[in-house]
């Protein structure tokens, strides 16, 4: 949905932060700069020159965010306001390609710590989705038992179908999060191996 020709808001839902930042940078290349992120899925962009901006996502502990934000500003990055509290401790940064410094998060230890924080959040999300999956499977199983034990009831049948669909969606998200979490774990191991070579 759009507000005017120089500002647009798009709805997107990402579980994978790499896909999310790729999307934001694709919009940058098309001449749209992210200025606000609401509820983790409503992206507000303003019109800029195509390819003028580059963005990144960085994870940092809450007590260090102000310090890291100040350092990011020295590297010509600006912080993008967001209400993406579900993942917590995430910083969305953007800056002009011609001005930003590669000094920000270019060293391997900083990248390892960043990925570790993201992996921890994904691990917690995976546990929550495991629990939700089990809950919905239990509800569906209970509905099926009711259908088999008693005379078929349209209401119970409809509930079983609805809960069955929700179960499939949640299980799909659960599997997806586990795969993403595993990929980040492999990235951390690769970076740790690289870091040990340089030490």
Protein backbone atom coordinates (compact mmCIF):
# COMPACT_ATOMS: atom_id res chain seq x y z
CA UNK A 1 0.00 0.00 0.00
CA UNK A 2 1.25 3.49 -0.73
CA UNK A 3 0.68 6.92 0.78
CA UNK A 4 2.14 9.15 -1.93
CA UNK A 5 4.47 8.84 -4.87
CA UNK A 6 7.57 9.50 -2.70
CA UNK A 7 6.65 7.19 0.20
CA UNK A 8 5.52 3.58 0.11
CA UNK A 9 4.74 1.00 2.80
CA UNK A 10 5.03 -2.67 1.92
CA UNK A 11 3.99 -5.74 3.87
CA UNK A 12 6.63 -8.47 3.98
CA UNK A 13 7.22 -11.27 6.46
CA UNK A 14 10.69 -12.74 6.89
CA UNK A 15 12.00 -15.46 9.18
CA UNK A 16 15.43 -15.34 7.57
CA UNK A 17 17.39 -12.15 8.31
CA UNK A 18 19.62 -12.69 5.26
CA UNK A 19 16.55 -12.68 3.01
CA UNK A 20 15.23 -9.62 4.83
CA UNK A 21 18.40 -7.56 4.33
CA UNK A 22 18.61 -8.74 0.71
CA UNK A 23 15.07 -7.44 0.18
CA UNK A 24 15.89 -4.08 1.81
CA UNK A 25 19.00 -3.71 -0.36
CA UNK A 26 17.05 -4.68 -3.49
CA UNK A 27 14.69 -1.80 -2.66
CA UNK A 28 17.76 0.44 -2.16
CA UNK A 29 18.94 -0.50 -5.65
CA UNK A 30 15.54 0.45 -7.05
CA UNK A 31 15.77 3.85 -5.37
CA UNK A 32 13.85 3.26 -2.13
CA UNK A 33 15.40 3.89 1.29
CA UNK A 34 13.97 2.18 4.37
CA UNK A 35 12.99 4.77 7.00
CA UNK A 36 10.74 2.79 9.36
CA UNK A 37 9.87 -0.81 10.18
CA UNK A 38 6.68 -1.52 12.11
CA UNK A 39 5.82 -4.84 13.78
CA UNK A 40 8.59 -6.53 11.82
CA UNK A 41 6.50 -6.72 8.64
CA UNK A 42 5.48 -3.19 7.51
CA UNK A 43 8.39 -1.56 5.66
CA UNK A 44 8.15 2.17 4.94
CA UNK A 45 10.43 3.50 2.20
CA UNK A 46 11.09 6.98 0.80
CA UNK A 47 12.17 7.72 -2.76
CA UNK A 48 15.91 8.18 -3.32
CA UNK A 49 18.35 7.75 -6.17
CA UNK A 50 18.69 4.13 -7.35
CA UNK A 51 21.62 2.41 -5.64
CA UNK A 52 22.35 5.43 -3.44
CA UNK A 53 21.94 3.61 -0.10
CA UNK A 54 23.14 0.34 1.37
CA UNK A 55 21.68 -1.27 4.51
CA UNK A 56 22.64 -3.91 7.05
CA UNK A 57 21.21 -5.67 10.08
CA UNK A 58 23.34 -6.01 13.18
CA UNK A 59 22.62 -7.72 16.52
CA UNK A 60 23.96 -6.24 19.73
CA UNK A 61 23.16 -6.59 23.43
CA UNK A 62 20.83 -3.89 24.69
CA UNK A 63 23.39 -2.37 27.04
CA UNK A 64 25.79 -1.81 24.12
CA UNK A 65 23.33 -0.54 21.51
CA UNK A 66 23.91 3.18 22.24
CA UNK A 67 27.70 2.71 21.98
CA UNK A 68 27.42 0.70 18.75
CA UNK A 69 24.94 3.21 17.31
CA UNK A 70 27.45 6.00 17.99
CA UNK A 71 30.22 4.03 16.27
CA UNK A 72 27.89 3.26 13.33
CA UNK A 73 27.21 7.00 13.01
CA UNK A 74 30.97 7.62 12.81
CA UNK A 75 30.99 5.14 9.91
CA UNK A 76 28.18 7.20 8.27
CA UNK A 77 25.39 4.75 9.05
CA UNK A 78 22.08 5.96 10.42
CA UNK A 79 19.83 3.84 12.61
CA UNK A 80 16.41 2.97 11.18
CA UNK A 81 13.61 3.20 13.78
CA UNK A 82 11.70 -0.05 14.21
CA UNK A 83 9.29 -1.87 16.48
CA UNK A 84 10.74 -5.29 15.66
CA UNK A 85 10.89 -6.29 19.32
CA UNK A 86 10.13 -9.95 18.63
CA UNK A 87 13.77 -10.62 17.77
CA UNK A 88 15.06 -7.91 20.10
CA UNK A 89 18.52 -6.37 20.11
CA UNK A 90 18.45 -5.91 16.33
CA UNK A 91 19.78 -2.76 14.70
CA UNK A 92 18.73 -1.78 11.20
CA UNK A 93 21.35 0.54 9.70
CA UNK A 94 21.55 2.38 6.39
CA UNK A 95 23.91 4.86 4.78
CA UNK A 96 25.00 6.29 1.45
CA UNK A 97 27.29 3.91 -0.41
CA UNK A 98 29.69 6.75 -1.15
CA UNK A 99 30.02 7.67 2.54
CA UNK A 100 29.79 4.49 4.64
CA UNK A 101 32.95 3.01 6.09
CA UNK A 102 33.79 -0.68 5.86
CA UNK A 103 35.29 -0.45 9.36
CA UNK A 104 31.88 -1.17 10.85
CA UNK A 105 31.48 -4.92 11.64
CA UNK A 106 34.22 -5.85 9.20
CA UNK A 107 36.35 -7.70 11.77
CA UNK A 108 35.61 -11.41 12.20
CA UNK A 109 35.14 -11.44 16.04
CA UNK A 110 32.40 -8.77 15.77
CA UNK A 111 30.66 -10.74 13.04
CA UNK A 112 30.88 -13.93 15.13
CA UNK A 113 29.27 -12.20 18.13
CA UNK A 114 26.56 -10.74 15.88
CA UNK A 115 25.70 -14.14 14.40
CA UNK A 116 25.76 -15.76 17.86
CA UNK A 117 23.12 -13.30 19.10
CA UNK A 118 20.97 -13.90 16.02
CA UNK A 119 21.39 -17.69 16.40
CA UNK A 120 20.32 -17.48 20.06
CA UNK A 121 17.13 -15.60 19.10
CA UNK A 122 16.37 -18.17 16.38
CA UNK A 123 16.95 -21.00 18.88
CA UNK A 124 14.40 -19.46 21.28
CA UNK A 125 11.93 -18.99 18.41
CA UNK A 126 12.44 -22.64 17.38
CA UNK A 127 11.56 -23.81 20.93
CA UNK A 128 8.39 -21.69 20.89
CA UNK A 129 7.38 -23.11 17.51
CA UNK A 130 8.11 -26.66 18.78
CA UNK A 131 5.67 -26.05 21.65
CA UNK A 132 3.05 -24.51 19.35
CA UNK A 133 3.39 -27.42 16.94
CA UNK A 134 2.82 -29.93 19.74
CA UNK A 135 -0.18 -27.94 21.03
CA UNK A 136 -1.87 -27.79 17.62
CA UNK A 137 -1.14 -31.47 16.90
CA UNK A 138 -2.73 -32.35 20.27
CA UNK A 139 -5.80 -30.23 19.45
CA UNK A 140 -6.16 -31.78 15.98
CA UNK A 141 -5.76 -35.29 17.44
CA UNK A 142 -8.44 -34.50 20.04
CA UNK A 143 -10.80 -33.21 17.35
CA UNK A 144 -10.27 -36.35 15.27
CA UNK A 145 -11.00 -38.53 18.32
CA UNK A 146 -14.24 -36.60 18.89
CA UNK A 147 -15.18 -37.07 15.24
CA UNK A 148 -14.57 -40.81 15.42
CA UNK A 149 -16.16 -41.34 18.82
CA UNK A 150 -19.31 -39.31 18.28
CA UNK A 151 -21.58 -38.67 15.35
CA UNK A 152 -19.90 -36.37 12.77
CA UNK A 153 -20.50 -32.77 13.74
CA UNK A 154 -20.04 -29.98 11.18
CA UNK A 155 -18.67 -27.61 13.82
CA UNK A 156 -16.08 -30.10 15.14
CA UNK A 157 -15.15 -31.06 11.57
CA UNK A 158 -14.61 -27.39 10.66
CA UNK A 159 -12.51 -26.87 13.80
CA UNK A 160 -10.39 -29.93 13.01
CA UNK A 161 -9.75 -28.65 9.48
CA UNK A 162 -8.88 -25.13 10.70
CA UNK A 163 -6.56 -26.43 13.42
CA UNK A 164 -5.07 -28.87 10.91
CA UNK A 165 -4.23 -26.01 8.54
CA UNK A 166 -2.73 -23.98 11.42
CA UNK A 167 -0.69 -27.03 12.44
CA UNK A 168 0.76 -27.38 8.95
CA UNK A 169 1.65 -23.66 8.83
CA UNK A 170 3.29 -23.72 12.26
CA UNK A 171 5.18 -26.96 11.56
CA UNK A 172 6.38 -25.46 8.26
CA UNK A 173 7.61 -22.33 10.08
CA UNK A 174 9.20 -24.53 12.75
CA UNK A 175 11.16 -26.53 10.15
CA UNK A 176 12.15 -23.32 8.34
CA UNK A 177 13.45 -21.68 11.53
CA UNK A 178 15.42 -24.82 12.42
CA UNK A 179 17.03 -24.85 8.97
CA UNK A 180 17.91 -21.14 9.21
CA UNK A 181 19.28 -21.64 12.74
CA UNK A 182 21.43 -24.52 11.48
CA UNK A 183 22.73 -22.35 8.62
CA UNK A 184 23.73 -19.59 11.06
CA UNK A 185 25.47 -22.18 13.23
CA UNK A 186 27.51 -23.27 10.20
CA UNK A 187 28.36 -19.63 9.45
CA UNK A 188 29.58 -19.15 13.04
CA UNK A 189 31.79 -22.27 12.79
CA UNK A 190 33.20 -21.09 9.45
CA UNK A 191 33.98 -17.63 10.85
CA UNK A 192 35.56 -19.17 13.97
CA UNK A 193 37.76 -21.34 11.73
CA UNK A 194 38.78 -18.27 9.71
CA UNK A 195 39.49 -16.33 12.89
CA UNK A 196 41.74 -19.10 14.25
CA UNK A 197 43.79 -18.95 11.04
CA UNK A 198 44.42 -15.20 11.46
CA UNK A 199 45.24 -15.45 15.15
